[in-house]
């Protein structure tokens, strides 16, 4: 099993969610996060004064899937989240050793 973490622009959440649901992905966790990469923040104006926002708002989507679904899920996320501009985000893929459903004690595949 793999955990896919995608950092995306907030306004792309609905498109990414629809793409994943249409692909049969039944569960995900979404968190509001802040950070920066090559974008290095942005300059904004408030009441005539300029200031730099160093940490930009993003969303992190976490999904646990079977190994054979990784390429398909990554393609769906990339196609739905891409704007072509710097700051579109990143996808991280990591192995998952074990999953336990708290309510029933089910493990691994049954717990997904």
PDB file of N, CA and C in Angstrom:
ATOM      1  N   UNK A   1       0.840  -1.179   0.000  1.00  0.00           N
ATOM      2  CA  UNK A   1       0.000   0.000   0.000  1.00  0.00           C
ATOM      3  C   UNK A   1       0.884   1.240   0.000  1.00  0.00           C
ATOM      4  N   UNK A   2       0.340   2.319  -0.524  1.00  0.00           N
ATOM      5  CA  UNK A   2       1.068   3.589  -0.602  1.00  0.00           C
ATOM      6  C   UNK A   2       0.196   4.706  -0.061  1.00  0.00           C
ATOM      7  N   UNK A   3       0.855   5.716   0.507  1.00  0.00           N
ATOM      8  CA  UNK A   3       0.171   6.953   0.884  1.00  0.00           C
ATOM      9  C   UNK A   3       0.581   8.016  -0.117  1.00  0.00           C
ATOM     10  N   UNK A   4      -0.405   8.630  -0.726  1.00  0.00           N
ATOM     11  CA  UNK A   4      -0.175   9.710  -1.680  1.00  0.00           C
ATOM     12  C   UNK A   4      -0.578  11.006  -0.994  1.00  0.00           C
ATOM     13  N   UNK A   5       0.367  11.942  -0.901  1.00  0.00           N
ATOM     14  CA  UNK A   5       0.096  13.262  -0.347  1.00  0.00           C
ATOM     15  C   UNK A   5       0.241  14.262  -1.485  1.00  0.00           C
ATOM     16  N   UNK A   6      -0.786  15.026  -1.721  1.00  0.00           N
ATOM     17  CA  UNK A   6      -0.750  16.036  -2.771  1.00  0.00           C
ATOM     18  C   UNK A   6      -0.966  17.404  -2.142  1.00  0.00           C
ATOM     19  N   UNK A   7      -0.066  18.333  -2.426  1.00  0.00           N
ATOM     20  CA  UNK A   7      -0.205  19.718  -1.995  1.00  0.00           C
ATOM     21  C   UNK A   7      -0.707  20.483  -3.214  1.00  0.00           C
ATOM     22  N   UNK A   8      -1.899  21.068  -3.106  1.00  0.00           N
ATOM     23  CA  UNK A   8      -2.526  21.713  -4.264  1.00  0.00           C
ATOM     24  C   UNK A   8      -3.034  23.112  -3.899  1.00  0.00           C
ATOM     25  N   UNK A   9      -3.421  23.850  -4.933  1.00  0.00           N
ATOM     26  CA  UNK A   9      -4.057  25.153  -4.727  1.00  0.00           C
ATOM     27  C   UNK A   9      -5.473  24.906  -4.185  1.00  0.00           C
ATOM     28  N   UNK A  10      -5.920  25.739  -3.233  1.00  0.00           N
ATOM     29  CA  UNK A  10      -7.243  25.514  -2.629  1.00  0.00           C
ATOM     30  C   UNK A  10      -8.392  25.491  -3.627  1.00  0.00           C
ATOM     31  N   UNK A  11      -8.367  26.325  -4.643  1.00  0.00           N
ATOM     32  CA  UNK A  11      -9.503  26.382  -5.573  1.00  0.00           C
ATOM     33  C   UNK A  11      -9.564  25.179  -6.510  1.00  0.00           C
ATOM     34  N   UNK A  12      -8.572  24.305  -6.469  1.00  0.00           N
ATOM     35  CA  UNK A  12      -8.564  23.106  -7.304  1.00  0.00           C
ATOM     36  C   UNK A  12      -9.126  21.878  -6.582  1.00  0.00           C
ATOM     37  N   UNK A  13      -9.516  22.030  -5.324  1.00  0.00           N
ATOM     38  CA  UNK A  13      -9.970  20.877  -4.537  1.00  0.00           C
ATOM     39  C   UNK A  13     -11.146  20.161  -5.179  1.00  0.00           C
ATOM     40  N   UNK A  14     -12.171  20.887  -5.596  1.00  0.00           N
ATOM     41  CA  UNK A  14     -13.354  20.228  -6.164  1.00  0.00           C
ATOM     42  C   UNK A  14     -13.006  19.420  -7.403  1.00  0.00           C
ATOM     43  N   UNK A  15     -12.167  19.967  -8.277  1.00  0.00           N
ATOM     44  CA  UNK A  15     -11.787  19.244  -9.492  1.00  0.00           C
ATOM     45  C   UNK A  15     -11.017  17.976  -9.156  1.00  0.00           C
ATOM     46  N   UNK A  16     -10.091  18.072  -8.194  1.00  0.00           N
ATOM     47  CA  UNK A  16      -9.299  16.902  -7.797  1.00  0.00           C
ATOM     48  C   UNK A  16     -10.208  15.863  -7.148  1.00  0.00           C
ATOM     49  N   UNK A  17     -11.100  16.297  -6.271  1.00  0.00           N
ATOM     50  CA  UNK A  17     -12.014  15.360  -5.596  1.00  0.00           C
ATOM     51  C   UNK A  17     -12.880  14.625  -6.605  1.00  0.00           C
ATOM     52  N   UNK A  18     -13.447  15.343  -7.550  1.00  0.00           N
ATOM     53  CA  UNK A  18     -14.292  14.719  -8.572  1.00  0.00           C
ATOM     54  C   UNK A  18     -13.491  13.717  -9.394  1.00  0.00           C
ATOM     55  N   UNK A  19     -12.273  14.077  -9.779  1.00  0.00           N
ATOM     56  CA  UNK A  19     -11.428  13.168 -10.566  1.00  0.00           C
ATOM     57  C   UNK A  19     -11.128  11.885  -9.791  1.00  0.00           C
ATOM     58  N   UNK A  20     -10.871  12.010  -8.496  1.00  0.00           N
ATOM     59  CA  UNK A  20     -10.553  10.828  -7.689  1.00  0.00           C
ATOM     60  C   UNK A  20     -11.793   9.971  -7.424  1.00  0.00           C
ATOM     61  N   UNK A  21     -12.910  10.594  -7.129  1.00  0.00           N
ATOM     62  CA  UNK A  21     -14.149   9.838  -6.907  1.00  0.00           C
ATOM     63  C   UNK A  21     -14.545   9.097  -8.178  1.00  0.00           C
ATOM     64  N   UNK A  22     -14.417   9.749  -9.327  1.00  0.00           N
ATOM     65  CA  UNK A  22     -14.722   9.090 -10.600  1.00  0.00           C
ATOM     66  C   UNK A  22     -13.778   7.927 -10.889  1.00  0.00           C
ATOM     67  N   UNK A  23     -12.598   7.947 -10.276  1.00  0.00           N
ATOM     68  CA  UNK A  23     -11.636   6.855 -10.447  1.00  0.00           C
ATOM     69  C   UNK A  23     -11.841   5.744  -9.414  1.00  0.00           C
ATOM     70  N   UNK A  24     -12.849   5.904  -8.540  1.00  0.00           N
ATOM     71  CA  UNK A  24     -13.145   4.859  -7.569  1.00  0.00           C
ATOM     72  C   UNK A  24     -12.447   5.017  -6.235  1.00  0.00           C
ATOM     73  N   UNK A  25     -11.811   6.152  -5.992  1.00  0.00           N
ATOM     74  CA  UNK A  25     -11.156   6.387  -4.700  1.00  0.00           C
ATOM     75  C   UNK A  25     -12.240   6.815  -3.722  1.00  0.00           C
ATOM     76  N   UNK A  26     -12.373   6.065  -2.617  1.00  0.00           N
ATOM     77  CA  UNK A  26     -13.514   6.263  -1.730  1.00  0.00           C
ATOM     78  C   UNK A  26     -13.204   7.071  -0.478  1.00  0.00           C
ATOM     79  N   UNK A  27     -11.972   7.342  -0.180  1.00  0.00           N
ATOM     80  CA  UNK A  27     -11.671   8.095   1.030  1.00  0.00           C
ATOM     81  C   UNK A  27     -10.448   8.969   0.858  1.00  0.00           C
ATOM     82  N   UNK A  28     -10.475  10.120   1.507  1.00  0.00           N
ATOM     83  CA  UNK A  28      -9.328  11.015   1.484  1.00  0.00           C
ATOM     84  C   UNK A  28      -9.405  11.923   2.695  1.00  0.00           C
ATOM     85  N   UNK A  29      -8.270  12.456   3.079  1.00  0.00           N
ATOM     86  CA  UNK A  29      -8.195  13.441   4.153  1.00  0.00           C
ATOM     87  C   UNK A  29      -7.680  14.724   3.547  1.00  0.00           C
ATOM     88  N   UNK A  30      -8.321  15.851   3.887  1.00  0.00           N
ATOM     89  CA  UNK A  30      -7.913  17.145   3.361  1.00  0.00           C
ATOM     90  C   UNK A  30      -7.584  18.051   4.542  1.00  0.00           C
ATOM     91  N   UNK A  31      -6.411  18.685   4.477  1.00  0.00           N
ATOM     92  CA  UNK A  31      -5.972  19.598   5.533  1.00  0.00           C
ATOM     93  C   UNK A  31      -5.557  20.927   4.917  1.00  0.00           C
ATOM     94  N   UNK A  32      -5.821  22.008   5.639  1.00  0.00           N
ATOM     95  CA  UNK A  32      -5.315  23.305   5.215  1.00  0.00           C
ATOM     96  C   UNK A  32      -3.884  23.426   5.710  1.00  0.00           C
ATOM     97  N   UNK A  33      -2.979  23.770   4.805  1.00  0.00           N
ATOM     98  CA  UNK A  33      -1.565  23.923   5.149  1.00  0.00           C
ATOM     99  C   UNK A  33      -1.053  25.238   4.580  1.00  0.00           C
ATOM    100  N   UNK A  34       0.107  25.652   5.039  1.00  0.00           N
ATOM    101  CA  UNK A  34       0.743  26.864   4.537  1.00  0.00           C
ATOM    102  C   UNK A  34       2.196  26.545   4.245  1.00  0.00           C
ATOM    103  N   UNK A  35       2.728  27.147   3.188  1.00  0.00           N
ATOM    104  CA  UNK A  35       4.119  26.915   2.855  1.00  0.00           C
ATOM    105  C   UNK A  35       4.518  27.670   1.609  1.00  0.00           C
ATOM    106  N   UNK A  36       5.738  27.405   1.169  1.00  0.00           N
ATOM    107  CA  UNK A  36       6.213  28.007  -0.065  1.00  0.00           C
ATOM    108  C   UNK A  36       7.285  27.130  -0.675  1.00  0.00           C
ATOM    109  N   UNK A  37       7.464  27.287  -1.954  1.00  0.00           N
ATOM    110  CA  UNK A  37       8.502  26.585  -2.692  1.00  0.00           C
ATOM    111  C   UNK A  37       9.187  27.600  -3.581  1.00  0.00           C
ATOM    112  N   UNK A  38       9.250  27.306  -4.857  1.00  0.00           N
ATOM    113  CA  UNK A  38       9.856  28.242  -5.799  1.00  0.00           C
ATOM    114  C   UNK A  38       9.092  29.547  -5.893  1.00  0.00           C
ATOM    115  N   UNK A  39       7.820  29.505  -5.540  1.00  0.00           N
ATOM    116  CA  UNK A  39       6.974  30.690  -5.576  1.00  0.00           C
ATOM    117  C   UNK A  39       7.504  31.770  -4.638  1.00  0.00           C
ATOM    118  N   UNK A  40       8.077  31.348  -3.533  1.00  0.00           N
ATOM    119  CA  UNK A  40       8.669  32.229  -2.528  1.00  0.00           C
ATOM    120  C   UNK A  40       7.715  33.303  -2.047  1.00  0.00           C
ATOM    121  N   UNK A  41       6.490  32.965  -1.860  1.00  0.00           N
ATOM    122  CA  UNK A  41       5.520  33.927  -1.360  1.00  0.00           C
ATOM    123  C   UNK A  41       5.048  34.867  -2.448  1.00  0.00           C
ATOM    124  N   UNK A  42       4.333  35.886  -2.043  1.00  0.00           N
ATOM    125  CA  UNK A  42       3.839  36.869  -3.006  1.00  0.00           C
ATOM    126  C   UNK A  42       3.679  38.203  -2.309  1.00  0.00           C
ATOM    127  N   UNK A  43       3.740  39.275  -3.081  1.00  0.00           N
ATOM    128  CA  UNK A  43       3.579  40.614  -2.544  1.00  0.00           C
ATOM    129  C   UNK A  43       2.125  41.034  -2.690  1.00  0.00           C
ATOM    130  N   UNK A  44       1.556  41.553  -1.606  1.00  0.00           N
ATOM    131  CA  UNK A  44       0.181  42.020  -1.629  1.00  0.00           C
ATOM    132  C   UNK A  44       0.125  43.437  -1.091  1.00  0.00           C
ATOM    133  N   UNK A  45      -1.003  44.097  -1.351  1.00  0.00           N
ATOM    134  CA  UNK A  45      -1.212  45.462  -0.886  1.00  0.00           C
ATOM    135  C   UNK A  45      -2.390  45.502   0.070  1.00  0.00           C
ATOM    136  N   UNK A  46      -2.212  46.240   1.165  1.00  0.00           N
ATOM    137  CA  UNK A  46      -3.303  46.438   2.115  1.00  0.00           C
ATOM    138  C   UNK A  46      -3.252  47.875   2.593  1.00  0.00           C
ATOM    139  N   UNK A  47      -4.314  48.629   2.304  1.00  0.00           N
ATOM    140  CA  UNK A  47      -4.411  50.038   2.679  1.00  0.00           C
ATOM    141  C   UNK A  47      -3.190  50.835   2.236  1.00  0.00           C
ATOM    142  N   UNK A  48      -2.772  50.574   1.008  1.00  0.00           N
ATOM    143  CA  UNK A  48      -1.673  51.321   0.421  1.00  0.00           C
ATOM    144  C   UNK A  48      -0.286  50.837   0.777  1.00  0.00           C
ATOM    145  N   UNK A  49      -0.169  49.906   1.671  1.00  0.00           N
ATOM    146  CA  UNK A  49       1.148  49.393   2.054  1.00  0.00           C
ATOM    147  C   UNK A  49       1.368  48.025   1.426  1.00  0.00           C
ATOM    148  N   UNK A  50       2.591  47.819   0.950  1.00  0.00           N
ATOM    149  CA  UNK A  50       2.938  46.503   0.406  1.00  0.00           C
ATOM    150  C   UNK A  50       3.513  45.637   1.504  1.00  0.00           C
ATOM    151  N   UNK A  51       3.170  44.383   1.467  1.00  0.00           N
ATOM    152  CA  UNK A  51       3.776  43.428   2.385  1.00  0.00           C
ATOM    153  C   UNK A  51       3.897  42.090   1.670  1.00  0.00           C
ATOM    154  N   UNK A  52       4.803  41.263   2.150  1.00  0.00           N
ATOM    155  CA  UNK A  52       5.056  39.971   1.530  1.00  0.00           C
ATOM    156  C   UNK A  52       4.415  38.861   2.355  1.00  0.00           C
ATOM    157  N   UNK A  53       3.642  38.034   1.681  1.00  0.00           N
ATOM    158  CA  UNK A  53       3.079  36.837   2.300  1.00  0.00           C
ATOM    159  C   UNK A  53       4.055  35.714   1.983  1.00  0.00           C
ATOM    160  N   UNK A  54       4.800  35.279   3.001  1.00  0.00           N
ATOM    161  CA  UNK A  54       5.831  34.274   2.761  1.00  0.00           C
ATOM    162  C   UNK A  54       5.274  32.855   2.701  1.00  0.00           C
ATOM    163  N   UNK A  55       4.265  32.581   3.493  1.00  0.00           N
ATOM    164  CA  UNK A  55       3.676  31.245   3.507  1.00  0.00           C
ATOM    165  C   UNK A  55       2.301  31.313   2.850  1.00  0.00           C
ATOM    166  N   UNK A  56       2.170  30.633   1.731  1.00  0.00           N
ATOM    167  CA  UNK A  56       0.935  30.671   0.956  1.00  0.00           C
ATOM    168  C   UNK A  56      -0.001  29.556   1.399  1.00  0.00           C
ATOM    169  N   UNK A  57      -1.301  29.821   1.318  1.00  0.00           N
ATOM    170  CA  UNK A  57      -2.290  28.812   1.684  1.00  0.00           C
ATOM    171  C   UNK A  57      -2.363  27.746   0.601  1.00  0.00           C
ATOM    172  N   UNK A  58      -2.325  26.503   1.024  1.00  0.00           N
ATOM    173  CA  UNK A  58      -2.467  25.344   0.143  1.00  0.00           C
ATOM    174  C   UNK A  58      -3.347  24.327   0.851  1.00  0.00           C
ATOM    175  N   UNK A  59      -3.722  23.287   0.144  1.00  0.00           N
ATOM    176  CA  UNK A  59      -4.433  22.161   0.727  1.00  0.00           C
ATOM    177  C   UNK A  59      -3.589  20.909   0.562  1.00  0.00           C
ATOM    178  N   UNK A  60      -3.617  20.052   1.566  1.00  0.00           N
ATOM    179  CA  UNK A  60      -2.935  18.760   1.473  1.00  0.00           C
ATOM    180  C   UNK A  60      -3.994  17.675   1.453  1.00  0.00           C
ATOM    181  N   UNK A  61      -3.957  16.866   0.410  1.00  0.00           N
ATOM    182  CA  UNK A  61      -4.858  15.722   0.280  1.00  0.00           C
ATOM    183  C   UNK A  61      -4.033  14.470   0.548  1.00  0.00           C
ATOM    184  N   UNK A  62      -4.529  13.617   1.430  1.00  0.00           N
ATOM    185  CA  UNK A  62      -3.855  12.358   1.733  1.00  0.00           C
ATOM    186  C   UNK A  62      -4.778  11.204   1.377  1.00  0.00           C
ATOM    187  N   UNK A  63      -4.212  10.229   0.665  1.00  0.00           N
ATOM    188  CA  UNK A  63      -4.968   9.064   0.212  1.00  0.00           C
ATOM    189  C   UNK A  63      -4.094   7.833   0.418  1.00  0.00           C
ATOM    190  N   UNK A  64      -4.684   6.749   0.904  1.00  0.00           N
ATOM    191  CA  UNK A  64      -3.973   5.472   0.992  1.00  0.00           C
ATOM    192  C   UNK A  64      -4.603   4.539  -0.027  1.00  0.00           C
ATOM    193  N   UNK A  65      -3.749   3.988  -0.894  1.00  0.00           N
ATOM    194  CA  UNK A  65      -4.228   3.166  -2.006  1.00  0.00           C
ATOM    195  C   UNK A  65      -3.340   1.944  -2.186  1.00  0.00           C
ATOM    196  N   UNK A  66      -3.815   1.023  -3.014  1.00  0.00           N
ATOM    197  CA  UNK A  66      -3.011  -0.141  -3.395  1.00  0.00           C
ATOM    198  C   UNK A  66      -1.886   0.300  -4.321  1.00  0.00           C
ATOM    199  N   UNK A  67      -0.802  -0.452  -4.315  1.00  0.00           N
ATOM    200  CA  UNK A  67       0.369  -0.111  -5.133  1.00  0.00           C
ATOM    201  C   UNK A  67       0.031   0.058  -6.612  1.00  0.00           C
ATOM    202  N   UNK A  68      -0.853  -0.787  -7.135  1.00  0.00           N
ATOM    203  CA  UNK A  68      -1.152  -0.741  -8.564  1.00  0.00           C
ATOM    204  C   UNK A  68      -2.028   0.446  -8.967  1.00  0.00           C
ATOM    205  N   UNK A  69      -2.512   1.211  -7.996  1.00  0.00           N
ATOM    206  CA  UNK A  69      -3.336   2.388  -8.298  1.00  0.00           C
ATOM    207  C   UNK A  69      -2.528   3.691  -8.338  1.00  0.00           C
ATOM    208  N   UNK A  70      -1.278   3.641  -7.951  1.00  0.00           N
ATOM    209  CA  UNK A  70      -0.490   4.863  -7.781  1.00  0.00           C
ATOM    210  C   UNK A  70      -0.410   5.690  -9.052  1.00  0.00           C
ATOM    211  N   UNK A  71      -0.008   5.097 -10.157  1.00  0.00           N
ATOM    212  CA  UNK A  71       0.150   5.870 -11.398  1.00  0.00           C
ATOM    213  C   UNK A  71      -1.162   6.513 -11.835  1.00  0.00           C
ATOM    214  N   UNK A  72      -2.254   5.777 -11.730  1.00  0.00           N
ATOM    215  CA  UNK A  72      -3.550   6.304 -12.131  1.00  0.00           C
ATOM    216  C   UNK A  72      -3.957   7.474 -11.240  1.00  0.00           C
ATOM    217  N   UNK A  73      -3.768   7.339  -9.928  1.00  0.00           N
ATOM    218  CA  UNK A  73      -4.139   8.403  -8.992  1.00  0.00           C
ATOM    219  C   UNK A  73      -3.277   9.642  -9.219  1.00  0.00           C
ATOM    220  N   UNK A  74      -1.990   9.454  -9.403  1.00  0.00           N
ATOM    221  CA  UNK A  74      -1.103  10.592  -9.663  1.00  0.00           C
ATOM    222  C   UNK A  74      -1.523  11.307 -10.944  1.00  0.00           C
ATOM    223  N   UNK A  75      -1.815  10.557 -12.001  1.00  0.00           N
ATOM    224  CA  UNK A  75      -2.267  11.176 -13.257  1.00  0.00           C
ATOM    225  C   UNK A  75      -3.549  11.972 -13.058  1.00  0.00           C
ATOM    226  N   UNK A  76      -4.501  11.426 -12.312  1.00  0.00           N
ATOM    227  CA  UNK A  76      -5.769  12.129 -12.065  1.00  0.00           C
ATOM    228  C   UNK A  76      -5.536  13.430 -11.306  1.00  0.00           C
ATOM    229  N   UNK A  77      -4.680  13.377 -10.285  1.00  0.00           N
ATOM    230  CA  UNK A  77      -4.401  14.583  -9.494  1.00  0.00           C
ATOM    231  C   UNK A  77      -3.704  15.629 -10.348  1.00  0.00           C
ATOM    232  N   UNK A  78      -2.681  15.221 -11.082  1.00  0.00           N
ATOM    233  CA  UNK A  78      -1.936  16.166 -11.915  1.00  0.00           C
ATOM    234  C   UNK A  78      -2.864  16.826 -12.930  1.00  0.00           C
ATOM    235  N   UNK A  79      -3.667  16.043 -13.621  1.00  0.00           N
ATOM    236  CA  UNK A  79      -4.553  16.603 -14.645  1.00  0.00           C
ATOM    237  C   UNK A  79      -5.601  17.545 -14.057  1.00  0.00           C
ATOM    238  N   UNK A  80      -6.089  17.243 -12.854  1.00  0.00           N
ATOM    239  CA  UNK A  80      -7.121  18.079 -12.249  1.00  0.00           C
ATOM    240  C   UNK A  80      -6.545  19.326 -11.571  1.00  0.00           C
ATOM    241  N   UNK A  81      -5.333  19.240 -11.044  1.00  0.00           N
ATOM    242  CA  UNK A  81      -4.776  20.340 -10.249  1.00  0.00           C
ATOM    243  C   UNK A  81      -3.890  21.293 -11.050  1.00  0.00           C
ATOM    244  N   UNK A  82      -3.493  20.913 -12.217  1.00  0.00           N
ATOM    245  CA  UNK A  82      -2.535  21.719 -12.986  1.00  0.00           C
ATOM    246  C   UNK A  82      -3.169  22.991 -13.537  1.00  0.00           C
ATOM    247  N   UNK A  83      -2.469  24.123 -13.328  1.00  0.00           N
ATOM    248  CA  UNK A  83      -2.840  25.383 -13.982  1.00  0.00           C
ATOM    249  C   UNK A  83      -1.761  25.790 -14.970  1.00  0.00           C
ATOM    250  N   UNK A  84      -0.573  25.209 -14.832  1.00  0.00           N
ATOM    251  CA  UNK A  84       0.545  25.569 -15.688  1.00  0.00           C
ATOM    252  C   UNK A  84       1.392  26.700 -15.121  1.00  0.00           C
ATOM    253  N   UNK A  85       0.996  27.204 -13.968  1.00  0.00           N
ATOM    254  CA  UNK A  85       1.724  28.304 -13.327  1.00  0.00           C
ATOM    255  C   UNK A  85       2.558  27.770 -12.177  1.00  0.00           C
ATOM    256  N   UNK A  86       3.595  28.501 -11.822  1.00  0.00           N
ATOM    257  CA  UNK A  86       4.408  28.132 -10.670  1.00  0.00           C
ATOM    258  C   UNK A  86       3.517  28.131  -9.432  1.00  0.00           C
ATOM    259  N   UNK A  87       3.708  27.148  -8.557  1.00  0.00           N
ATOM    260  CA  UNK A  87       2.888  27.060  -7.351  1.00  0.00           C
ATOM    261  C   UNK A  87       1.746  26.068  -7.435  1.00  0.00           C
ATOM    262  N   UNK A  88       1.708  25.255  -8.488  1.00  0.00           N
ATOM    263  CA  UNK A  88       0.639  24.261  -8.621  1.00  0.00           C
ATOM    264  C   UNK A  88       0.714  23.182  -7.547  1.00  0.00           C
ATOM    265  N   UNK A  89       1.881  22.926  -6.992  1.00  0.00           N
ATOM    266  CA  UNK A  89       1.996  21.982  -5.892  1.00  0.00           C
ATOM    267  C   UNK A  89       2.915  20.815  -6.169  1.00  0.00           C
ATOM    268  N   UNK A  90       2.847  19.834  -5.295  1.00  0.00           N
ATOM    269  CA  UNK A  90       3.698  18.648  -5.371  1.00  0.00           C
ATOM    270  C   UNK A  90       2.894  17.432  -4.942  1.00  0.00           C
ATOM    271  N   UNK A  91       3.387  16.256  -5.345  1.00  0.00           N
ATOM    272  CA  UNK A  91       2.812  14.983  -4.906  1.00  0.00           C
ATOM    273  C   UNK A  91       3.938  14.149  -4.313  1.00  0.00           C
ATOM    274  N   UNK A  92       3.693  13.601  -3.129  1.00  0.00           N
ATOM    275  CA  UNK A  92       4.658  12.750  -2.446  1.00  0.00           C
ATOM    276  C   UNK A  92       4.037  11.366  -2.293  1.00  0.00           C
ATOM    277  N   UNK A  93       4.839  10.331  -2.532  1.00  0.00           N
ATOM    278  CA  UNK A  93       4.356   8.950  -2.443  1.00  0.00           C
ATOM    279  C   UNK A  93       5.256   8.205  -1.465  1.00  0.00           C
ATOM    280  N   UNK A  94       4.640   7.549  -0.478  1.00  0.00           N
ATOM    281  CA  UNK A  94       5.407   6.840   0.543  1.00  0.00           C
ATOM    282  C   UNK A  94       4.743   5.499   0.837  1.00  0.00           C
ATOM    283  N   UNK A  95       5.544   4.513   1.230  1.00  0.00           N
ATOM    284  CA  UNK A  95       4.965   3.210   1.579  1.00  0.00           C
ATOM    285  C   UNK A  95       4.193   3.284   2.896  1.00  0.00           C
ATOM    286  N   UNK A  96       3.174   2.432   3.016  1.00  0.00           N
ATOM    287  CA  UNK A  96       2.398   2.301   4.245  1.00  0.00           C
ATOM    288  C   UNK A  96       2.581   0.861   4.715  1.00  0.00           C
ATOM    289  N   UNK A  97       3.090   0.701   5.923  1.00  0.00           N
ATOM    290  CA  UNK A  97       3.363  -0.634   6.444  1.00  0.00           C
ATOM    291  C   UNK A  97       2.115  -1.334   6.957  1.00  0.00           C
ATOM    292  N   UNK A  98       1.244  -0.596   7.618  1.00  0.00           N
ATOM    293  CA  UNK A  98       0.069  -1.235   8.200  1.00  0.00           C
ATOM    294  C   UNK A  98      -1.021  -0.192   8.421  1.00  0.00           C
ATOM    295  N   UNK A  99      -2.265  -0.629   8.310  1.00  0.00           N
ATOM    296  CA  UNK A  99      -3.428   0.208   8.584  1.00  0.00           C
ATOM    297  C   UNK A  99      -4.307  -0.555   9.567  1.00  0.00           C
ATOM    298  N   UNK A 100      -4.860   0.152  10.544  1.00  0.00           N
ATOM    299  CA  UNK A 100      -5.780  -0.461  11.496  1.00  0.00           C
ATOM    300  C   UNK A 100      -7.000   0.448  11.614  1.00  0.00           C
ATOM    301  N   UNK A 101      -8.186  -0.111  11.378  1.00  0.00           N
ATOM    302  CA  UNK A 101      -9.432   0.638  11.593  1.00  0.00           C
ATOM    303  C   UNK A 101      -9.742   0.567  13.080  1.00  0.00           C
ATOM    304  N   UNK A 102      -9.830   1.721  13.709  1.00  0.00           N
ATOM    305  CA  UNK A 102     -10.010   1.787  15.158  1.00  0.00           C
ATOM    306  C   UNK A 102     -11.315   1.141  15.591  1.00  0.00           C
ATOM    307  N   UNK A 103     -12.407   1.414  14.886  1.00  0.00           N
ATOM    308  CA  UNK A 103     -13.732   0.926  15.291  1.00  0.00           C
ATOM    309  C   UNK A 103     -13.802  -0.592  15.351  1.00  0.00           C
ATOM    310  N   UNK A 104     -13.235  -1.281  14.353  1.00  0.00           N
ATOM    311  CA  UNK A 104     -13.411  -2.736  14.259  1.00  0.00           C
ATOM    312  C   UNK A 104     -12.137  -3.538  14.495  1.00  0.00           C
ATOM    313  N   UNK A 105     -11.002  -2.878  14.434  1.00  0.00           N
ATOM    314  CA  UNK A 105      -9.740  -3.594  14.562  1.00  0.00           C
ATOM    315  C   UNK A 105      -9.280  -4.235  13.260  1.00  0.00           C
ATOM    316  N   UNK A 106     -10.049  -4.034  12.176  1.00  0.00           N
ATOM    317  CA  UNK A 106      -9.639  -4.578  10.875  1.00  0.00           C
ATOM    318  C   UNK A 106      -8.284  -4.010  10.487  1.00  0.00           C
ATOM    319  N   UNK A 107      -7.537  -4.807   9.720  1.00  0.00           N
ATOM    320  CA  UNK A 107      -6.186  -4.387   9.358  1.00  0.00           C
ATOM    321  C   UNK A 107      -5.993  -4.406   7.854  1.00  0.00           C
ATOM    322  N   UNK A 108      -5.077  -3.552   7.424  1.00  0.00           N
ATOM    323  CA  UNK A 108      -4.601  -3.447   6.045  1.00  0.00           C
ATOM    324  C   UNK A 108      -5.715  -3.260   5.043  1.00  0.00           C
ATOM    325  N   UNK A 109      -5.817  -4.096   4.028  1.00  0.00           N
ATOM    326  CA  UNK A 109      -6.778  -3.898   2.937  1.00  0.00           C
ATOM    327  C   UNK A 109      -8.209  -3.766   3.451  1.00  0.00           C
ATOM    328  N   UNK A 110      -8.587  -4.569   4.446  1.00  0.00           N
ATOM    329  CA  UNK A 110      -9.937  -4.490   4.994  1.00  0.00           C
ATOM    330  C   UNK A 110     -10.190  -3.158   5.686  1.00  0.00           C
ATOM    331  N   UNK A 111      -9.133  -2.517   6.169  1.00  0.00           N
ATOM    332  CA  UNK A 111      -9.274  -1.252   6.895  1.00  0.00           C
ATOM    333  C   UNK A 111      -9.389  -0.043   5.975  1.00  0.00           C
ATOM    334  N   UNK A 112      -9.015  -0.220   4.717  1.00  0.00           N
ATOM    335  CA  UNK A 112      -9.137   0.904   3.772  1.00  0.00           C
ATOM    336  C   UNK A 112     -10.585   1.064   3.479  1.00  0.00           C
TER     337      UNK A 112
END
